[in-house]
N, C-alpha and C. Protein backbone atom coordinates (compact mmCIF):
# COMPACT_ATOMS: atom_id res chain seq x y z
N MET A 1 -10.07 -17.91 8.90
CA MET A 1 -9.68 -16.95 7.87
C MET A 1 -8.17 -16.70 7.98
N PRO A 2 -7.44 -16.75 6.86
CA PRO A 2 -6.00 -16.53 6.91
C PRO A 2 -5.69 -15.09 7.34
N GLU A 3 -4.54 -14.93 7.96
CA GLU A 3 -4.12 -13.60 8.40
C GLU A 3 -3.90 -12.70 7.18
N LYS A 4 -4.27 -11.45 7.33
CA LYS A 4 -4.11 -10.47 6.26
C LYS A 4 -2.84 -9.67 6.49
N HIS A 5 -2.30 -9.11 5.40
CA HIS A 5 -1.03 -8.40 5.46
C HIS A 5 -1.12 -7.09 4.68
N ILE A 6 -0.61 -6.03 5.30
CA ILE A 6 -0.55 -4.71 4.67
C ILE A 6 0.91 -4.32 4.56
N LEU A 7 1.31 -3.83 3.40
CA LEU A 7 2.62 -3.19 3.26
C LEU A 7 2.35 -1.69 3.27
N LEU A 8 2.83 -1.03 4.30
CA LEU A 8 2.67 0.41 4.46
C LEU A 8 3.98 1.07 4.05
N VAL A 9 3.93 1.86 2.98
CA VAL A 9 5.13 2.54 2.48
C VAL A 9 4.98 4.01 2.83
N GLU A 10 5.65 4.40 3.91
CA GLU A 10 5.47 5.74 4.49
C GLU A 10 6.76 6.15 5.18
N ASP A 11 7.28 7.33 4.83
CA ASP A 11 8.51 7.81 5.44
C ASP A 11 8.29 8.60 6.73
N ASP A 12 7.10 9.09 6.96
CA ASP A 12 6.80 9.94 8.12
C ASP A 12 6.37 9.08 9.31
N GLU A 13 7.21 9.05 10.34
CA GLU A 13 6.94 8.23 11.52
C GLU A 13 5.62 8.60 12.19
N ASP A 14 5.27 9.88 12.23
CA ASP A 14 4.00 10.30 12.85
C ASP A 14 2.81 9.72 12.09
N GLN A 15 2.90 9.70 10.75
CA GLN A 15 1.82 9.14 9.94
C GLN A 15 1.69 7.63 10.20
N VAL A 16 2.81 6.95 10.35
CA VAL A 16 2.80 5.52 10.64
C VAL A 16 2.08 5.26 11.96
N ILE A 17 2.40 6.05 12.96
CA ILE A 17 1.75 5.90 14.28
C ILE A 17 0.25 6.11 14.16
N LEU A 18 -0.15 7.15 13.43
CA LEU A 18 -1.58 7.43 13.26
C LEU A 18 -2.29 6.31 12.50
N ILE A 19 -1.66 5.79 11.47
CA ILE A 19 -2.28 4.71 10.68
C ILE A 19 -2.43 3.46 11.54
N ARG A 20 -1.39 3.12 12.28
CA ARG A 20 -1.47 1.93 13.15
C ARG A 20 -2.56 2.11 14.22
N GLU A 21 -2.67 3.30 14.77
CA GLU A 21 -3.71 3.57 15.78
C GLU A 21 -5.09 3.49 15.15
N ALA A 22 -5.24 4.03 13.95
CA ALA A 22 -6.54 3.97 13.26
C ALA A 22 -6.93 2.52 12.97
N LEU A 23 -5.98 1.71 12.55
CA LEU A 23 -6.26 0.30 12.31
C LEU A 23 -6.69 -0.40 13.61
N ARG A 24 -6.00 -0.08 14.70
CA ARG A 24 -6.34 -0.67 16.00
C ARG A 24 -7.76 -0.26 16.41
N ILE A 25 -8.08 1.01 16.29
CA ILE A 25 -9.41 1.52 16.66
C ILE A 25 -10.50 0.79 15.88
N HIS A 26 -10.24 0.50 14.62
CA HIS A 26 -11.24 -0.15 13.76
C HIS A 26 -11.17 -1.67 13.82
N GLY A 27 -10.38 -2.20 14.73
CA GLY A 27 -10.34 -3.64 14.93
C GLY A 27 -9.65 -4.43 13.83
N VAL A 28 -8.81 -3.75 13.07
CA VAL A 28 -8.08 -4.42 11.98
C VAL A 28 -6.88 -5.13 12.59
N THR A 29 -6.84 -6.44 12.41
CA THR A 29 -5.78 -7.24 13.02
C THR A 29 -4.71 -7.66 12.02
N ALA A 30 -4.72 -7.08 10.86
CA ALA A 30 -3.73 -7.43 9.83
C ALA A 30 -2.33 -7.11 10.31
N GLU A 31 -1.39 -7.92 9.85
CA GLU A 31 0.02 -7.62 10.11
C GLU A 31 0.42 -6.46 9.19
N VAL A 32 1.03 -5.44 9.77
CA VAL A 32 1.47 -4.28 9.01
C VAL A 32 2.99 -4.28 8.96
N LYS A 33 3.52 -4.39 7.74
CA LYS A 33 4.96 -4.25 7.55
C LYS A 33 5.18 -2.88 6.94
N ARG A 34 6.18 -2.19 7.45
CA ARG A 34 6.41 -0.82 7.02
C ARG A 34 7.73 -0.69 6.26
N ALA A 35 7.66 -0.02 5.13
CA ALA A 35 8.85 0.36 4.38
C ALA A 35 8.98 1.87 4.50
N ARG A 36 10.18 2.34 4.77
CA ARG A 36 10.40 3.77 5.00
C ARG A 36 10.58 4.58 3.71
N ASP A 37 10.79 3.89 2.61
CA ASP A 37 10.91 4.57 1.32
C ASP A 37 10.64 3.57 0.20
N GLY A 38 10.66 4.05 -1.02
CA GLY A 38 10.33 3.20 -2.15
C GLY A 38 11.31 2.07 -2.39
N GLU A 39 12.59 2.33 -2.21
CA GLU A 39 13.58 1.28 -2.42
C GLU A 39 13.39 0.14 -1.42
N GLU A 40 13.14 0.49 -0.16
CA GLU A 40 12.89 -0.53 0.85
C GLU A 40 11.63 -1.33 0.51
N ALA A 41 10.60 -0.66 0.01
CA ALA A 41 9.36 -1.34 -0.36
C ALA A 41 9.61 -2.36 -1.46
N LEU A 42 10.37 -1.98 -2.49
CA LEU A 42 10.65 -2.91 -3.58
C LEU A 42 11.51 -4.08 -3.10
N ASP A 43 12.45 -3.80 -2.20
CA ASP A 43 13.24 -4.89 -1.62
C ASP A 43 12.36 -5.86 -0.85
N MET A 44 11.41 -5.34 -0.09
CA MET A 44 10.50 -6.19 0.67
C MET A 44 9.65 -7.04 -0.27
N LEU A 45 9.14 -6.44 -1.33
CA LEU A 45 8.33 -7.19 -2.29
C LEU A 45 9.17 -8.24 -3.01
N ALA A 46 10.40 -7.93 -3.31
CA ALA A 46 11.28 -8.88 -3.99
C ALA A 46 11.54 -10.10 -3.12
N SER A 47 11.45 -9.94 -1.80
CA SER A 47 11.70 -11.07 -0.89
C SER A 47 10.48 -11.98 -0.76
N CYS A 48 9.35 -11.59 -1.33
CA CYS A 48 8.12 -12.39 -1.25
C CYS A 48 8.15 -13.45 -2.34
N ASP A 49 8.93 -14.48 -2.11
CA ASP A 49 9.12 -15.51 -3.13
C ASP A 49 8.51 -16.84 -2.74
N GLY A 50 7.69 -16.83 -1.69
CA GLY A 50 7.08 -18.07 -1.25
C GLY A 50 7.94 -18.86 -0.28
N HIS A 51 9.08 -18.33 0.11
CA HIS A 51 9.98 -19.01 1.04
C HIS A 51 10.04 -18.27 2.37
N GLY A 52 8.89 -18.05 2.98
CA GLY A 52 8.85 -17.40 4.28
C GLY A 52 8.19 -16.04 4.25
N ALA A 53 8.56 -15.19 3.31
CA ALA A 53 7.96 -13.87 3.23
C ALA A 53 6.61 -13.98 2.53
N VAL A 54 5.61 -13.32 3.08
CA VAL A 54 4.24 -13.42 2.58
C VAL A 54 3.90 -12.17 1.76
N TRP A 55 3.21 -12.39 0.63
CA TRP A 55 2.75 -11.27 -0.18
C TRP A 55 1.78 -10.42 0.64
N PRO A 56 1.87 -9.10 0.54
CA PRO A 56 0.85 -8.27 1.19
C PRO A 56 -0.47 -8.41 0.42
N ASP A 57 -1.57 -8.23 1.14
CA ASP A 57 -2.88 -8.24 0.49
C ASP A 57 -3.15 -6.90 -0.17
N VAL A 58 -2.50 -5.85 0.34
CA VAL A 58 -2.66 -4.51 -0.20
C VAL A 58 -1.43 -3.69 0.20
N VAL A 59 -1.10 -2.73 -0.66
CA VAL A 59 -0.02 -1.78 -0.37
C VAL A 59 -0.65 -0.42 -0.19
N PHE A 60 -0.38 0.22 0.95
CA PHE A 60 -0.76 1.61 1.18
C PHE A 60 0.52 2.42 0.91
N LEU A 61 0.48 3.24 -0.14
CA LEU A 61 1.68 3.88 -0.67
C LEU A 61 1.58 5.40 -0.62
N ASP A 62 2.54 6.01 0.07
CA ASP A 62 2.66 7.46 0.08
C ASP A 62 3.35 7.89 -1.22
N LEU A 63 3.14 9.12 -1.64
CA LEU A 63 3.77 9.60 -2.87
C LEU A 63 5.10 10.29 -2.63
N LYS A 64 5.13 11.17 -1.65
CA LYS A 64 6.30 12.03 -1.43
C LYS A 64 7.22 11.37 -0.42
N MET A 65 8.28 10.72 -0.94
CA MET A 65 9.24 10.02 -0.10
C MET A 65 10.65 10.24 -0.64
N PRO A 66 11.64 10.08 0.23
CA PRO A 66 13.02 10.19 -0.24
C PRO A 66 13.45 8.97 -1.04
N ARG A 67 14.54 9.09 -1.74
CA ARG A 67 15.20 8.03 -2.53
C ARG A 67 14.38 7.58 -3.72
N MET A 68 13.13 7.18 -3.54
CA MET A 68 12.28 6.75 -4.64
C MET A 68 10.85 7.11 -4.27
N ASN A 69 10.21 7.96 -5.07
CA ASN A 69 8.86 8.39 -4.71
C ASN A 69 7.81 7.32 -5.06
N GLY A 70 6.59 7.57 -4.64
CA GLY A 70 5.51 6.61 -4.83
C GLY A 70 5.19 6.31 -6.28
N PHE A 71 5.31 7.30 -7.14
CA PHE A 71 5.06 7.07 -8.57
C PHE A 71 6.05 6.06 -9.14
N GLU A 72 7.32 6.21 -8.75
CA GLU A 72 8.35 5.29 -9.23
C GLU A 72 8.11 3.87 -8.70
N VAL A 73 7.73 3.77 -7.43
CA VAL A 73 7.44 2.46 -6.84
C VAL A 73 6.28 1.81 -7.59
N LEU A 74 5.23 2.57 -7.82
CA LEU A 74 4.06 2.04 -8.50
C LEU A 74 4.42 1.56 -9.91
N LYS A 75 5.24 2.30 -10.61
CA LYS A 75 5.64 1.89 -11.96
C LYS A 75 6.42 0.58 -11.92
N HIS A 76 7.29 0.41 -10.93
CA HIS A 76 8.04 -0.85 -10.79
C HIS A 76 7.09 -2.01 -10.47
N ILE A 77 6.14 -1.76 -9.59
CA ILE A 77 5.18 -2.82 -9.22
C ILE A 77 4.38 -3.25 -10.45
N ARG A 78 3.91 -2.31 -11.22
CA ARG A 78 3.08 -2.64 -12.39
C ARG A 78 3.88 -3.23 -13.54
N ALA A 79 5.18 -2.97 -13.58
CA ALA A 79 6.01 -3.50 -14.66
C ALA A 79 6.44 -4.94 -14.43
N ASP A 80 6.28 -5.45 -13.23
CA ASP A 80 6.75 -6.79 -12.89
C ASP A 80 5.61 -7.80 -12.93
N ASP A 81 5.83 -8.93 -13.61
CA ASP A 81 4.80 -9.97 -13.70
C ASP A 81 4.36 -10.49 -12.35
N GLY A 82 5.26 -10.54 -11.40
CA GLY A 82 4.93 -11.09 -10.09
C GLY A 82 4.11 -10.17 -9.20
N THR A 83 4.11 -8.87 -9.50
CA THR A 83 3.41 -7.92 -8.62
C THR A 83 2.38 -7.05 -9.33
N ARG A 84 2.27 -7.17 -10.63
CA ARG A 84 1.42 -6.22 -11.37
C ARG A 84 -0.04 -6.22 -10.92
N LEU A 85 -0.52 -7.32 -10.35
CA LEU A 85 -1.92 -7.37 -9.90
C LEU A 85 -2.10 -7.05 -8.43
N LEU A 86 -1.02 -6.73 -7.75
CA LEU A 86 -1.07 -6.39 -6.33
C LEU A 86 -1.86 -5.09 -6.14
N PRO A 87 -2.88 -5.08 -5.27
CA PRO A 87 -3.63 -3.84 -5.04
C PRO A 87 -2.76 -2.77 -4.39
N VAL A 88 -2.74 -1.59 -5.00
CA VAL A 88 -1.96 -0.48 -4.48
C VAL A 88 -2.90 0.72 -4.29
N VAL A 89 -2.97 1.19 -3.04
CA VAL A 89 -3.76 2.35 -2.71
C VAL A 89 -2.81 3.50 -2.41
N ILE A 90 -2.93 4.57 -3.17
CA ILE A 90 -2.16 5.76 -2.86
C ILE A 90 -2.86 6.45 -1.70
N PHE A 91 -2.10 6.70 -0.64
CA PHE A 91 -2.63 7.36 0.55
C PHE A 91 -1.72 8.55 0.78
N SER A 92 -2.17 9.72 0.31
CA SER A 92 -1.29 10.88 0.23
C SER A 92 -1.99 12.14 0.72
N SER A 93 -1.16 13.08 1.18
CA SER A 93 -1.71 14.37 1.57
C SER A 93 -1.92 15.26 0.35
N SER A 94 -1.37 14.88 -0.79
CA SER A 94 -1.53 15.67 -2.01
C SER A 94 -2.92 15.48 -2.60
N VAL A 95 -3.54 16.61 -2.92
CA VAL A 95 -4.82 16.56 -3.64
C VAL A 95 -4.70 17.27 -5.00
N LEU A 96 -3.47 17.43 -5.45
CA LEU A 96 -3.25 18.04 -6.76
C LEU A 96 -3.83 17.13 -7.84
N GLU A 97 -4.59 17.72 -8.75
CA GLU A 97 -5.19 16.94 -9.84
C GLU A 97 -4.14 16.16 -10.61
N GLU A 98 -2.98 16.76 -10.81
CA GLU A 98 -1.90 16.11 -11.54
C GLU A 98 -1.43 14.84 -10.81
N ASP A 99 -1.32 14.90 -9.48
CA ASP A 99 -0.89 13.73 -8.73
C ASP A 99 -1.94 12.62 -8.80
N VAL A 100 -3.20 12.99 -8.65
CA VAL A 100 -4.28 11.99 -8.71
C VAL A 100 -4.29 11.34 -10.09
N ARG A 101 -4.24 12.15 -11.12
CA ARG A 101 -4.25 11.64 -12.51
C ARG A 101 -3.04 10.75 -12.78
N ASN A 102 -1.85 11.20 -12.39
CA ASN A 102 -0.64 10.41 -12.63
C ASN A 102 -0.66 9.10 -11.85
N ALA A 103 -1.25 9.12 -10.67
CA ALA A 103 -1.35 7.88 -9.89
C ALA A 103 -2.20 6.85 -10.63
N TYR A 104 -3.34 7.28 -11.12
CA TYR A 104 -4.20 6.34 -11.85
C TYR A 104 -3.56 5.91 -13.18
N LEU A 105 -2.92 6.84 -13.87
CA LEU A 105 -2.24 6.49 -15.13
C LEU A 105 -1.09 5.50 -14.88
N SER A 106 -0.51 5.56 -13.69
CA SER A 106 0.59 4.65 -13.35
C SER A 106 0.10 3.31 -12.82
N GLY A 107 -1.23 3.18 -12.64
CA GLY A 107 -1.77 1.89 -12.25
C GLY A 107 -2.29 1.78 -10.83
N ALA A 108 -2.49 2.89 -10.14
CA ALA A 108 -3.04 2.82 -8.78
C ALA A 108 -4.46 2.25 -8.84
N ASN A 109 -4.80 1.46 -7.82
CA ASN A 109 -6.16 0.92 -7.71
C ASN A 109 -7.09 1.92 -7.05
N SER A 110 -6.52 2.82 -6.26
CA SER A 110 -7.33 3.78 -5.53
C SER A 110 -6.43 4.94 -5.10
N TYR A 111 -7.04 6.10 -4.88
CA TYR A 111 -6.31 7.28 -4.41
C TYR A 111 -7.13 7.87 -3.28
N VAL A 112 -6.57 7.90 -2.09
CA VAL A 112 -7.26 8.40 -0.90
C VAL A 112 -6.41 9.51 -0.29
N LYS A 113 -7.04 10.65 -0.02
CA LYS A 113 -6.29 11.74 0.59
C LYS A 113 -6.25 11.54 2.11
N LYS A 114 -5.14 11.98 2.68
CA LYS A 114 -4.97 11.95 4.13
C LYS A 114 -5.69 13.17 4.70
N PHE A 115 -6.69 12.93 5.50
CA PHE A 115 -7.45 14.02 6.10
C PHE A 115 -6.65 14.67 7.21
N THR A 116 -6.99 15.93 7.53
CA THR A 116 -6.25 16.63 8.57
C THR A 116 -6.78 16.33 9.97
N SER A 117 -8.05 16.01 10.11
CA SER A 117 -8.55 15.66 11.44
C SER A 117 -8.37 14.16 11.66
N PHE A 118 -8.02 13.77 12.89
CA PHE A 118 -7.80 12.36 13.16
C PHE A 118 -9.07 11.55 12.95
N LYS A 119 -10.22 12.12 13.26
CA LYS A 119 -11.48 11.39 13.09
C LYS A 119 -11.68 11.01 11.62
N GLU A 120 -11.49 11.97 10.71
CA GLU A 120 -11.63 11.68 9.28
C GLU A 120 -10.52 10.75 8.78
N PHE A 121 -9.30 11.00 9.25
CA PHE A 121 -8.15 10.17 8.89
C PHE A 121 -8.39 8.72 9.31
N SER A 122 -8.81 8.55 10.55
CA SER A 122 -9.07 7.22 11.09
C SER A 122 -10.18 6.52 10.31
N GLY A 123 -11.24 7.27 10.00
CA GLY A 123 -12.34 6.69 9.23
C GLY A 123 -11.89 6.23 7.86
N ALA A 124 -11.04 7.03 7.21
CA ALA A 124 -10.54 6.66 5.88
C ALA A 124 -9.69 5.40 5.96
N VAL A 125 -8.82 5.32 6.96
CA VAL A 125 -7.98 4.13 7.12
C VAL A 125 -8.85 2.90 7.39
N GLY A 126 -9.85 3.05 8.25
CA GLY A 126 -10.75 1.94 8.55
C GLY A 126 -11.50 1.45 7.32
N LEU A 127 -11.99 2.38 6.52
CA LEU A 127 -12.71 2.00 5.29
C LEU A 127 -11.79 1.33 4.29
N MET A 128 -10.57 1.87 4.13
CA MET A 128 -9.61 1.26 3.20
C MET A 128 -9.32 -0.17 3.61
N ALA A 129 -9.04 -0.37 4.89
CA ALA A 129 -8.71 -1.71 5.37
C ALA A 129 -9.90 -2.65 5.23
N SER A 130 -11.08 -2.15 5.55
CA SER A 130 -12.29 -2.98 5.46
C SER A 130 -12.52 -3.45 4.02
N TYR A 131 -12.39 -2.53 3.08
CA TYR A 131 -12.61 -2.90 1.68
C TYR A 131 -11.51 -3.83 1.17
N TRP A 132 -10.25 -3.41 1.25
CA TRP A 132 -9.16 -4.14 0.62
C TRP A 132 -8.84 -5.46 1.31
N LEU A 133 -9.13 -5.56 2.61
CA LEU A 133 -8.83 -6.80 3.33
C LEU A 133 -10.05 -7.69 3.52
N GLY A 134 -11.25 -7.11 3.36
CA GLY A 134 -12.46 -7.89 3.61
C GLY A 134 -13.32 -8.13 2.40
N LEU A 135 -13.60 -7.10 1.64
CA LEU A 135 -14.52 -7.23 0.51
C LEU A 135 -13.85 -7.57 -0.81
N ASN A 136 -12.68 -7.04 -1.03
CA ASN A 136 -12.00 -7.22 -2.31
C ASN A 136 -11.55 -8.67 -2.50
N GLU A 137 -11.79 -9.18 -3.70
CA GLU A 137 -11.28 -10.49 -4.09
C GLU A 137 -9.94 -10.28 -4.79
N PRO A 138 -8.85 -10.73 -4.20
CA PRO A 138 -7.54 -10.45 -4.78
C PRO A 138 -7.27 -11.23 -6.06
N ALA A 139 -6.60 -10.58 -6.99
CA ALA A 139 -6.24 -11.21 -8.26
C ALA A 139 -4.80 -11.71 -8.23
N LEU A 140 -4.04 -11.35 -7.20
CA LEU A 140 -2.62 -11.67 -7.18
C LEU A 140 -2.37 -13.17 -7.27
N ALA A 141 -3.24 -13.98 -6.71
CA ALA A 141 -3.04 -15.43 -6.75
C ALA A 141 -3.05 -15.94 -8.19
N ALA A 142 -3.68 -15.21 -9.10
CA ALA A 142 -3.76 -15.63 -10.50
C ALA A 142 -2.56 -15.15 -11.30
N ALA A 143 -1.72 -14.31 -10.69
CA ALA A 143 -0.58 -13.75 -11.42
C ALA A 143 0.55 -14.76 -11.51
N PRO A 144 1.30 -14.72 -12.60
CA PRO A 144 2.48 -15.59 -12.68
C PRO A 144 3.47 -15.19 -11.59
N ALA A 145 4.07 -16.16 -10.96
CA ALA A 145 5.05 -15.88 -9.92
C ALA A 145 6.35 -15.48 -10.56
N GLY A 146 7.06 -14.62 -9.88
CA GLY A 146 8.38 -14.23 -10.38
C GLY A 146 8.90 -13.07 -9.59
N PRO A 147 10.22 -12.95 -9.50
CA PRO A 147 10.81 -11.86 -8.72
C PRO A 147 10.66 -10.53 -9.41
N LEU A 148 10.80 -9.47 -8.62
CA LEU A 148 10.81 -8.14 -9.19
C LEU A 148 12.08 -7.98 -10.03
N GLN A 149 11.94 -7.27 -11.12
CA GLN A 149 13.10 -7.07 -12.01
C GLN A 149 13.76 -5.76 -11.70
């Protein structure tokens, strides 16, 4: 089975540590590349041109970040022919109805809230990874190739 790849877009170092630990606990061996903000995430995706950089199988995207928030990142991903089919899971502490609605209207594939207890948080991360890296059939291979605009 080919190696799986996650792009984790998260500005909070503590959250990154918790997510990586949850993935380890659940036996997820995917390579996790981390972007600290939306601009860095788009730069990383733009480098996935088939010349060394590998497309992520899924993007775990936080909403509240400096420089470029998750909604803006999602809109850029969906507007580009090369990335519009890339699975994007919003993983946010926000449970505001407006944020959930706007995420789906912007093209999110899923919206998962960050739980406050590590047990629930870890379980959510494990389920997300299991579904998006194991069960989901990716459509990105069918997308026309092209750089982010």
